[in-house]
């Protein structure tokens, strides 16, 4: 029999818990890709069971991305799954989701600066499109709006594009990925640019100029996240941007075409 005394319950309770960690650069990207793949598969399967008529007869990419019922339904479901899985991954790192994802409100001054900067950027992007000979309103937005109008899916489309997509994308990019890729340093702009590039390239529904515009928007959103320390502020700005795009489609479809 050993003479070493057993540790008391108090001693066990006093042992420090493992410190929270920030996922590494590659691990963060891996988690983000895996979560997106799983969420997409779940969304497609769930939508097929819930509303099989939402699926386009022709599964060609060009047709599917302008099918409002399909895009709206899969976007809503996938975004919910993505957020749930992200919270789980954050908890694996032993962080409260609110802290890791920076789901806090910044100071009023930061809110005012962020909103003012973003509102100033939107007409500049329209001006760049005009000067470049590109359509001010992306054809994708007009096509999917018209499809939603003809199929009675406008409420679903508005909810998916104006609310669900901005919330999920900001939690993923300005929340989860930002936490790992934009570390406190003398050169945070490198991480800000990289996050913005990845954010832009996933928007494959646009042409090259549309992706460039998304990159510029992402750059502003990521800068606002870095400056304010909040993911909620760029989330609100992203909602404003998508609402602005949808209102442009409304004006074009109902009054200019």
C-alpha atoms as a PDB file:
ATOM      1  CA  UNK A   1       0.000   0.000   0.000  1.00  0.00           C
ATOM      2  CA  UNK A   2       1.318   3.427  -0.911  1.00  0.00           C
ATOM      3  CA  UNK A   3       1.866   5.971   1.840  1.00  0.00           C
ATOM      4  CA  UNK A   4       1.262   8.847  -0.595  1.00  0.00           C
ATOM      5  CA  UNK A   5      -1.867  10.651   0.606  1.00  0.00           C
ATOM      6  CA  UNK A   6      -4.821  10.941  -1.745  1.00  0.00           C
ATOM      7  CA  UNK A   7      -5.440  14.501  -2.978  1.00  0.00           C
ATOM      8  CA  UNK A   8      -8.363  16.155  -1.325  1.00  0.00           C
ATOM      9  CA  UNK A   9     -11.456  17.271  -3.239  1.00  0.00           C
ATOM     10  CA  UNK A  10     -10.446  20.852  -2.625  1.00  0.00           C
ATOM     11  CA  UNK A  11      -7.014  20.292  -4.145  1.00  0.00           C
ATOM     12  CA  UNK A  12      -8.547  18.697  -7.221  1.00  0.00           C
ATOM     13  CA  UNK A  13     -10.965  21.581  -7.604  1.00  0.00           C
ATOM     14  CA  UNK A  14      -8.115  24.059  -7.318  1.00  0.00           C
ATOM     15  CA  UNK A  15      -6.233  22.649 -10.321  1.00  0.00           C
ATOM     16  CA  UNK A  16      -6.238  25.245 -13.127  1.00  0.00           C
ATOM     17  CA  UNK A  17      -8.331  24.530 -16.190  1.00  0.00           C
ATOM     18  CA  UNK A  18      -6.663  24.476 -19.614  1.00  0.00           C
ATOM     19  CA  UNK A  19      -6.294  27.992 -20.966  1.00  0.00           C
ATOM     20  CA  UNK A  20      -8.477  29.074 -23.891  1.00  0.00           C
ATOM     21  CA  UNK A  21      -6.690  28.960 -27.242  1.00  0.00           C
ATOM     22  CA  UNK A  22      -7.072  30.597 -30.615  1.00  0.00           C
ATOM     23  CA  UNK A  23      -7.241  28.178 -33.522  1.00  0.00           C
ATOM     24  CA  UNK A  24      -4.250  28.396 -35.880  1.00  0.00           C
ATOM     25  CA  UNK A  25      -4.325  29.819 -39.382  1.00  0.00           C
ATOM     26  CA  UNK A  26      -4.617  26.516 -41.254  1.00  0.00           C
ATOM     27  CA  UNK A  27      -6.863  24.921 -38.645  1.00  0.00           C
ATOM     28  CA  UNK A  28      -9.235  27.868 -38.848  1.00  0.00           C
ATOM     29  CA  UNK A  29      -9.440  27.570 -42.627  1.00  0.00           C
ATOM     30  CA  UNK A  30      -9.977  23.823 -42.326  1.00  0.00           C
ATOM     31  CA  UNK A  31     -12.802  24.282 -39.836  1.00  0.00           C
ATOM     32  CA  UNK A  32     -14.420  26.944 -42.020  1.00  0.00           C
ATOM     33  CA  UNK A  33     -14.301  24.741 -45.134  1.00  0.00           C
ATOM     34  CA  UNK A  34     -15.573  21.677 -43.274  1.00  0.00           C
ATOM     35  CA  UNK A  35     -18.413  23.616 -41.677  1.00  0.00           C
ATOM     36  CA  UNK A  36     -19.426  25.077 -45.022  1.00  0.00           C
ATOM     37  CA  UNK A  37     -19.437  21.656 -46.716  1.00  0.00           C
ATOM     38  CA  UNK A  38     -21.457  20.042 -43.924  1.00  0.00           C
ATOM     39  CA  UNK A  39     -23.914  22.949 -43.764  1.00  0.00           C
ATOM     40  CA  UNK A  40     -24.407  22.920 -47.537  1.00  0.00           C
ATOM     41  CA  UNK A  41     -25.077  19.173 -47.601  1.00  0.00           C
ATOM     42  CA  UNK A  42     -27.514  19.439 -44.695  1.00  0.00           C
ATOM     43  CA  UNK A  43     -29.266  22.398 -46.326  1.00  0.00           C
ATOM     44  CA  UNK A  44     -29.702  20.648 -49.673  1.00  0.00           C
ATOM     45  CA  UNK A  45     -30.994  17.484 -48.021  1.00  0.00           C
ATOM     46  CA  UNK A  46     -33.338  19.332 -45.686  1.00  0.00           C
ATOM     47  CA  UNK A  47     -34.733  21.511 -48.454  1.00  0.00           C
ATOM     48  CA  UNK A  48     -35.348  18.477 -50.635  1.00  0.00           C
ATOM     49  CA  UNK A  49     -37.383  16.870 -47.851  1.00  0.00           C
ATOM     50  CA  UNK A  50     -39.196  20.096 -46.977  1.00  0.00           C
ATOM     51  CA  UNK A  51     -39.822  21.601 -50.414  1.00  0.00           C
ATOM     52  CA  UNK A  52     -38.718  19.312 -53.282  1.00  0.00           C
ATOM     53  CA  UNK A  53     -40.360  21.599 -55.840  1.00  0.00           C
ATOM     54  CA  UNK A  54     -37.807  24.265 -54.952  1.00  0.00           C
ATOM     55  CA  UNK A  55     -35.113  22.327 -56.776  1.00  0.00           C
ATOM     56  CA  UNK A  56     -34.458  23.512 -60.325  1.00  0.00           C
ATOM     57  CA  UNK A  57     -35.331  21.034 -63.057  1.00  0.00           C
ATOM     58  CA  UNK A  58     -32.019  21.826 -64.732  1.00  0.00           C
ATOM     59  CA  UNK A  59     -29.256  21.642 -62.138  1.00  0.00           C
ATOM     60  CA  UNK A  60     -26.926  23.779 -64.257  1.00  0.00           C
ATOM     61  CA  UNK A  61     -25.094  26.301 -62.077  1.00  0.00           C
ATOM     62  CA  UNK A  62     -26.376  29.341 -63.976  1.00  0.00           C
ATOM     63  CA  UNK A  63     -29.978  28.235 -63.445  1.00  0.00           C
ATOM     64  CA  UNK A  64     -29.662  27.138 -59.832  1.00  0.00           C
ATOM     65  CA  UNK A  65     -28.130  30.390 -58.552  1.00  0.00           C
ATOM     66  CA  UNK A  66     -31.066  32.433 -59.852  1.00  0.00           C
ATOM     67  CA  UNK A  67     -33.716  30.050 -58.492  1.00  0.00           C
ATOM     68  CA  UNK A  68     -35.040  32.101 -55.581  1.00  0.00           C
ATOM     69  CA  UNK A  69     -36.774  29.259 -53.742  1.00  0.00           C
ATOM     70  CA  UNK A  70     -33.686  27.071 -53.979  1.00  0.00           C
ATOM     71  CA  UNK A  71     -31.167  29.766 -53.062  1.00  0.00           C
ATOM     72  CA  UNK A  72     -33.385  31.262 -50.367  1.00  0.00           C
ATOM     73  CA  UNK A  73     -34.182  27.923 -48.759  1.00  0.00           C
ATOM     74  CA  UNK A  74     -30.663  26.507 -48.808  1.00  0.00           C
ATOM     75  CA  UNK A  75     -29.198  29.808 -47.618  1.00  0.00           C
ATOM     76  CA  UNK A  76     -31.464  29.975 -44.573  1.00  0.00           C
ATOM     77  CA  UNK A  77     -30.868  26.362 -43.565  1.00  0.00           C
ATOM     78  CA  UNK A  78     -27.130  26.417 -44.259  1.00  0.00           C
ATOM     79  CA  UNK A  79     -26.638  29.635 -42.299  1.00  0.00           C
ATOM     80  CA  UNK A  80     -28.353  28.211 -39.225  1.00  0.00           C
ATOM     81  CA  UNK A  81     -26.221  25.061 -39.398  1.00  0.00           C
ATOM     82  CA  UNK A  82     -23.035  27.070 -39.951  1.00  0.00           C
ATOM     83  CA  UNK A  83     -23.605  29.237 -36.900  1.00  0.00           C
ATOM     84  CA  UNK A  84     -24.442  26.238 -34.705  1.00  0.00           C
ATOM     85  CA  UNK A  85     -21.319  24.351 -35.802  1.00  0.00           C
ATOM     86  CA  UNK A  86     -19.119  27.422 -35.370  1.00  0.00           C
ATOM     87  CA  UNK A  87     -20.298  27.845 -31.802  1.00  0.00           C
ATOM     88  CA  UNK A  88     -19.371  24.216 -31.179  1.00  0.00           C
ATOM     89  CA  UNK A  89     -15.884  24.700 -32.641  1.00  0.00           C
ATOM     90  CA  UNK A  90     -15.357  27.828 -30.546  1.00  0.00           C
ATOM     91  CA  UNK A  91     -16.323  25.922 -27.413  1.00  0.00           C
ATOM     92  CA  UNK A  92     -13.750  23.263 -28.316  1.00  0.00           C
ATOM     93  CA  UNK A  93     -11.198  26.059 -27.974  1.00  0.00           C
ATOM     94  CA  UNK A  94     -12.629  26.747 -24.485  1.00  0.00           C
ATOM     95  CA  UNK A  95     -13.893  30.228 -25.342  1.00  0.00           C
ATOM     96  CA  UNK A  96     -17.320  31.748 -24.800  1.00  0.00           C
ATOM     97  CA  UNK A  97     -18.767  32.206 -28.289  1.00  0.00           C
ATOM     98  CA  UNK A  98     -19.599  35.841 -27.558  1.00  0.00           C
ATOM     99  CA  UNK A  99     -15.951  36.648 -26.805  1.00  0.00           C
ATOM    100  CA  UNK A 100     -14.245  34.601 -29.539  1.00  0.00           C
ATOM    101  CA  UNK A 101     -16.606  35.879 -32.227  1.00  0.00           C
ATOM    102  CA  UNK A 102     -16.641  39.441 -30.817  1.00  0.00           C
ATOM    103  CA  UNK A 103     -20.435  39.565 -30.639  1.00  0.00           C
ATOM    104  CA  UNK A 104     -20.434  42.835 -28.720  1.00  0.00           C
ATOM    105  CA  UNK A 105     -21.497  46.394 -29.471  1.00  0.00           C
ATOM    106  CA  UNK A 106     -18.704  48.952 -29.852  1.00  0.00           C
ATOM    107  CA  UNK A 107     -18.724  52.511 -28.600  1.00  0.00           C
ATOM    108  CA  UNK A 108     -21.151  54.946 -30.220  1.00  0.00           C
ATOM    109  CA  UNK A 109     -18.289  56.819 -31.844  1.00  0.00           C
ATOM    110  CA  UNK A 110     -17.128  53.657 -33.609  1.00  0.00           C
ATOM    111  CA  UNK A 111     -20.675  52.939 -34.760  1.00  0.00           C
ATOM    112  CA  UNK A 112     -20.951  56.431 -36.247  1.00  0.00           C
ATOM    113  CA  UNK A 113     -17.569  56.171 -37.997  1.00  0.00           C
ATOM    114  CA  UNK A 114     -18.353  52.728 -39.377  1.00  0.00           C
ATOM    115  CA  UNK A 115     -21.772  53.656 -40.721  1.00  0.00           C
ATOM    116  CA  UNK A 116     -20.517  56.922 -42.226  1.00  0.00           C
ATOM    117  CA  UNK A 117     -17.569  55.229 -43.942  1.00  0.00           C
ATOM    118  CA  UNK A 118     -19.712  52.446 -45.322  1.00  0.00           C
ATOM    119  CA  UNK A 119     -22.487  54.690 -46.613  1.00  0.00           C
ATOM    120  CA  UNK A 120     -19.817  56.750 -48.389  1.00  0.00           C
ATOM    121  CA  UNK A 121     -18.365  53.632 -50.037  1.00  0.00           C
ATOM    122  CA  UNK A 122     -21.594  52.339 -51.633  1.00  0.00           C
ATOM    123  CA  UNK A 123     -22.087  55.171 -54.161  1.00  0.00           C
ATOM    124  CA  UNK A 124     -18.356  55.086 -54.920  1.00  0.00           C
ATOM    125  CA  UNK A 125     -18.716  51.442 -55.955  1.00  0.00           C
ATOM    126  CA  UNK A 126     -21.641  52.386 -58.185  1.00  0.00           C
ATOM    127  CA  UNK A 127     -19.496  55.106 -59.724  1.00  0.00           C
ATOM    128  CA  UNK A 128     -16.673  52.643 -60.388  1.00  0.00           C
ATOM    129  CA  UNK A 129     -19.134  50.317 -62.105  1.00  0.00           C
ATOM    130  CA  UNK A 130     -20.426  53.130 -64.294  1.00  0.00           C
ATOM    131  CA  UNK A 131     -16.940  54.307 -65.264  1.00  0.00           C
ATOM    132  CA  UNK A 132     -15.864  50.724 -66.001  1.00  0.00           C
ATOM    133  CA  UNK A 133     -18.823  50.076 -68.265  1.00  0.00           C
ATOM    134  CA  UNK A 134     -20.150  47.431 -65.883  1.00  0.00           C
ATOM    135  CA  UNK A 135     -23.802  47.261 -64.788  1.00  0.00           C
ATOM    136  CA  UNK A 136     -24.380  49.142 -61.557  1.00  0.00           C
ATOM    137  CA  UNK A 137     -26.800  46.432 -60.431  1.00  0.00           C
ATOM    138  CA  UNK A 138     -25.283  42.934 -60.748  1.00  0.00           C
ATOM    139  CA  UNK A 139     -27.303  40.809 -63.228  1.00  0.00           C
ATOM    140  CA  UNK A 140     -27.485  38.054 -60.600  1.00  0.00           C
ATOM    141  CA  UNK A 141     -29.507  40.302 -58.281  1.00  0.00           C
ATOM    142  CA  UNK A 142     -31.943  41.297 -61.021  1.00  0.00           C
ATOM    143  CA  UNK A 143     -32.380  37.724 -62.279  1.00  0.00           C
ATOM    144  CA  UNK A 144     -32.990  36.198 -58.861  1.00  0.00           C
ATOM    145  CA  UNK A 145     -35.351  39.041 -57.909  1.00  0.00           C
ATOM    146  CA  UNK A 146     -37.417  38.452 -61.042  1.00  0.00           C
ATOM    147  CA  UNK A 147     -37.471  34.722 -60.345  1.00  0.00           C
ATOM    148  CA  UNK A 148     -38.643  35.358 -56.780  1.00  0.00           C
ATOM    149  CA  UNK A 149     -41.329  37.697 -58.060  1.00  0.00           C
ATOM    150  CA  UNK A 150     -42.646  35.118 -60.537  1.00  0.00           C
ATOM    151  CA  UNK A 151     -42.630  32.252 -58.017  1.00  0.00           C
ATOM    152  CA  UNK A 152     -44.007  34.111 -54.994  1.00  0.00           C
ATOM    153  CA  UNK A 153     -40.687  33.793 -53.165  1.00  0.00           C
ATOM    154  CA  UNK A 154     -39.899  37.443 -52.491  1.00  0.00           C
ATOM    155  CA  UNK A 155     -40.268  37.241 -48.672  1.00  0.00           C
ATOM    156  CA  UNK A 156     -37.958  34.213 -48.600  1.00  0.00           C
ATOM    157  CA  UNK A 157     -35.420  35.957 -50.816  1.00  0.00           C
ATOM    158  CA  UNK A 158     -35.443  39.151 -48.738  1.00  0.00           C
ATOM    159  CA  UNK A 159     -34.965  37.155 -45.539  1.00  0.00           C
ATOM    160  CA  UNK A 160     -32.131  35.090 -46.994  1.00  0.00           C
ATOM    161  CA  UNK A 161     -30.197  37.886 -48.702  1.00  0.00           C
ATOM    162  CA  UNK A 162     -30.771  40.814 -46.347  1.00  0.00           C
ATOM    163  CA  UNK A 163     -30.718  39.042 -42.968  1.00  0.00           C
ATOM    164  CA  UNK A 164     -29.508  35.428 -42.981  1.00  0.00           C
ATOM    165  CA  UNK A 165     -26.531  35.714 -45.322  1.00  0.00           C
ATOM    166  CA  UNK A 166     -25.016  38.846 -43.712  1.00  0.00           C
ATOM    167  CA  UNK A 167     -25.383  37.438 -40.199  1.00  0.00           C
ATOM    168  CA  UNK A 168     -23.755  34.101 -41.026  1.00  0.00           C
ATOM    169  CA  UNK A 169     -21.026  35.517 -43.259  1.00  0.00           C
ATOM    170  CA  UNK A 170     -19.992  38.093 -40.682  1.00  0.00           C
ATOM    171  CA  UNK A 171     -19.862  35.508 -37.908  1.00  0.00           C
ATOM    172  CA  UNK A 172     -17.700  33.297 -40.137  1.00  0.00           C
ATOM    173  CA  UNK A 173     -15.370  35.908 -41.651  1.00  0.00           C
ATOM    174  CA  UNK A 174     -15.242  38.890 -39.295  1.00  0.00           C
ATOM    175  CA  UNK A 175     -15.859  36.691 -36.252  1.00  0.00           C
ATOM    176  CA  UNK A 176     -14.256  33.249 -36.559  1.00  0.00           C
ATOM    177  CA  UNK A 177     -11.644  33.697 -39.299  1.00  0.00           C
ATOM    178  CA  UNK A 178     -10.685  37.218 -38.196  1.00  0.00           C
ATOM    179  CA  UNK A 179      -9.906  36.006 -34.682  1.00  0.00           C
ATOM    180  CA  UNK A 180      -7.191  33.716 -36.030  1.00  0.00           C
ATOM    181  CA  UNK A 181      -5.892  35.577 -39.056  1.00  0.00           C
ATOM    182  CA  UNK A 182      -5.737  39.164 -37.770  1.00  0.00           C
ATOM    183  CA  UNK A 183      -3.534  38.951 -34.697  1.00  0.00           C
ATOM    184  CA  UNK A 184      -2.379  41.952 -32.646  1.00  0.00           C
ATOM    185  CA  UNK A 185       0.751  43.111 -34.455  1.00  0.00           C
ATOM    186  CA  UNK A 186       2.326  46.056 -36.216  1.00  0.00           C
ATOM    187  CA  UNK A 187       0.951  44.847 -39.541  1.00  0.00           C
ATOM    188  CA  UNK A 188      -2.722  43.913 -39.087  1.00  0.00           C
ATOM    189  CA  UNK A 189      -3.499  45.124 -42.605  1.00  0.00           C
ATOM    190  CA  UNK A 190      -2.026  41.935 -44.092  1.00  0.00           C
ATOM    191  CA  UNK A 191      -4.580  39.818 -42.250  1.00  0.00           C
ATOM    192  CA  UNK A 192      -7.350  42.289 -43.106  1.00  0.00           C
ATOM    193  CA  UNK A 193      -6.539  41.963 -46.823  1.00  0.00           C
ATOM    194  CA  UNK A 194      -6.336  38.155 -46.708  1.00  0.00           C
ATOM    195  CA  UNK A 195      -9.700  37.852 -44.942  1.00  0.00           C
ATOM    196  CA  UNK A 196     -11.217  40.201 -47.519  1.00  0.00           C
ATOM    197  CA  UNK A 197      -9.785  38.210 -50.432  1.00  0.00           C
ATOM    198  CA  UNK A 198     -11.216  34.930 -49.146  1.00  0.00           C
ATOM    199  CA  UNK A 199     -14.546  36.659 -48.508  1.00  0.00           C
ATOM    200  CA  UNK A 200     -14.589  37.924 -52.102  1.00  0.00           C
ATOM    201  CA  UNK A 201     -13.688  34.694 -53.885  1.00  0.00           C
ATOM    202  CA  UNK A 202     -16.586  32.741 -52.371  1.00  0.00           C
ATOM    203  CA  UNK A 203     -19.027  35.039 -54.176  1.00  0.00           C
ATOM    204  CA  UNK A 204     -18.853  33.047 -57.396  1.00  0.00           C
ATOM    205  CA  UNK A 205     -22.279  34.232 -58.534  1.00  0.00           C
ATOM    206  CA  UNK A 206     -20.714  37.496 -59.722  1.00  0.00           C
ATOM    207  CA  UNK A 207     -18.395  38.305 -62.607  1.00  0.00           C
ATOM    208  CA  UNK A 208     -14.834  39.510 -62.023  1.00  0.00           C
ATOM    209  CA  UNK A 209     -15.920  43.090 -61.398  1.00  0.00           C
ATOM    210  CA  UNK A 210     -18.590  41.992 -58.950  1.00  0.00           C
ATOM    211  CA  UNK A 211     -16.013  39.941 -57.043  1.00  0.00           C
ATOM    212  CA  UNK A 212     -13.730  42.997 -56.993  1.00  0.00           C
ATOM    213  CA  UNK A 213     -16.550  45.083 -55.545  1.00  0.00           C
ATOM    214  CA  UNK A 214     -17.178  42.423 -52.895  1.00  0.00           C
ATOM    215  CA  UNK A 215     -13.467  42.535 -52.044  1.00  0.00           C
ATOM    216  CA  UNK A 216     -13.639  46.302 -51.496  1.00  0.00           C
ATOM    217  CA  UNK A 217     -16.754  45.923 -49.355  1.00  0.00           C
ATOM    218  CA  UNK A 218     -15.049  43.142 -47.409  1.00  0.00           C
ATOM    219  CA  UNK A 219     -12.014  45.353 -46.906  1.00  0.00           C
ATOM    220  CA  UNK A 220     -14.159  48.049 -45.313  1.00  0.00           C
ATOM    221  CA  UNK A 221     -16.072  45.528 -43.190  1.00  0.00           C
ATOM    222  CA  UNK A 222     -12.867  43.891 -41.949  1.00  0.00           C
ATOM    223  CA  UNK A 223     -11.294  47.274 -41.225  1.00  0.00           C
ATOM    224  CA  UNK A 224     -14.391  48.238 -39.217  1.00  0.00           C
ATOM    225  CA  UNK A 225     -14.125  44.944 -37.318  1.00  0.00           C
ATOM    226  CA  UNK A 226     -10.475  45.630 -36.516  1.00  0.00           C
ATOM    227  CA  UNK A 227     -11.059  49.246 -35.524  1.00  0.00           C
ATOM    228  CA  UNK A 228     -14.175  48.675 -33.419  1.00  0.00           C
ATOM    229  CA  UNK A 229     -13.398  45.257 -31.944  1.00  0.00           C
ATOM    230  CA  UNK A 230     -16.946  44.218 -32.806  1.00  0.00           C
ATOM    231  CA  UNK A 231     -18.438  41.759 -35.289  1.00  0.00           C
ATOM    232  CA  UNK A 232     -21.942  43.129 -34.737  1.00  0.00           C
ATOM    233  CA  UNK A 233     -21.084  46.454 -36.380  1.00  0.00           C
ATOM    234  CA  UNK A 234     -19.872  44.986 -39.705  1.00  0.00           C
ATOM    235  CA  UNK A 235     -22.867  42.662 -39.517  1.00  0.00           C
ATOM    236  CA  UNK A 236     -25.200  45.671 -39.500  1.00  0.00           C
ATOM    237  CA  UNK A 237     -23.227  47.278 -42.339  1.00  0.00           C
ATOM    238  CA  UNK A 238     -23.446  44.066 -44.371  1.00  0.00           C
ATOM    239  CA  UNK A 239     -27.218  44.078 -43.889  1.00  0.00           C
ATOM    240  CA  UNK A 240     -27.284  47.676 -45.149  1.00  0.00           C
ATOM    241  CA  UNK A 241     -25.242  46.730 -48.231  1.00  0.00           C
ATOM    242  CA  UNK A 242     -27.496  43.825 -49.154  1.00  0.00           C
ATOM    243  CA  UNK A 243     -30.628  45.884 -48.513  1.00  0.00           C
ATOM    244  CA  UNK A 244     -29.200  48.581 -50.785  1.00  0.00           C
ATOM    245  CA  UNK A 245     -28.583  46.011 -53.540  1.00  0.00           C
ATOM    246  CA  UNK A 246     -32.092  44.597 -53.215  1.00  0.00           C
ATOM    247  CA  UNK A 247     -33.637  48.069 -53.343  1.00  0.00           C
ATOM    248  CA  UNK A 248     -31.688  48.761 -56.516  1.00  0.00           C
ATOM    249  CA  UNK A 249     -33.232  45.609 -57.991  1.00  0.00           C
ATOM    250  CA  UNK A 250     -36.705  46.767 -56.912  1.00  0.00           C
ATOM    251  CA  UNK A 251     -36.251  50.137 -58.617  1.00  0.00           C
ATOM    252  CA  UNK A 252     -34.860  48.580 -61.785  1.00  0.00           C
ATOM    253  CA  UNK A 253     -37.459  45.817 -62.142  1.00  0.00           C
ATOM    254  CA  UNK A 254     -40.512  47.906 -61.265  1.00  0.00           C
ATOM    255  CA  UNK A 255     -39.642  51.316 -62.692  1.00  0.00           C
ATOM    256  CA  UNK A 256     -36.673  51.170 -65.076  1.00  0.00           C
ATOM    257  CA  UNK A 257     -37.247  48.046 -67.153  1.00  0.00           C
END
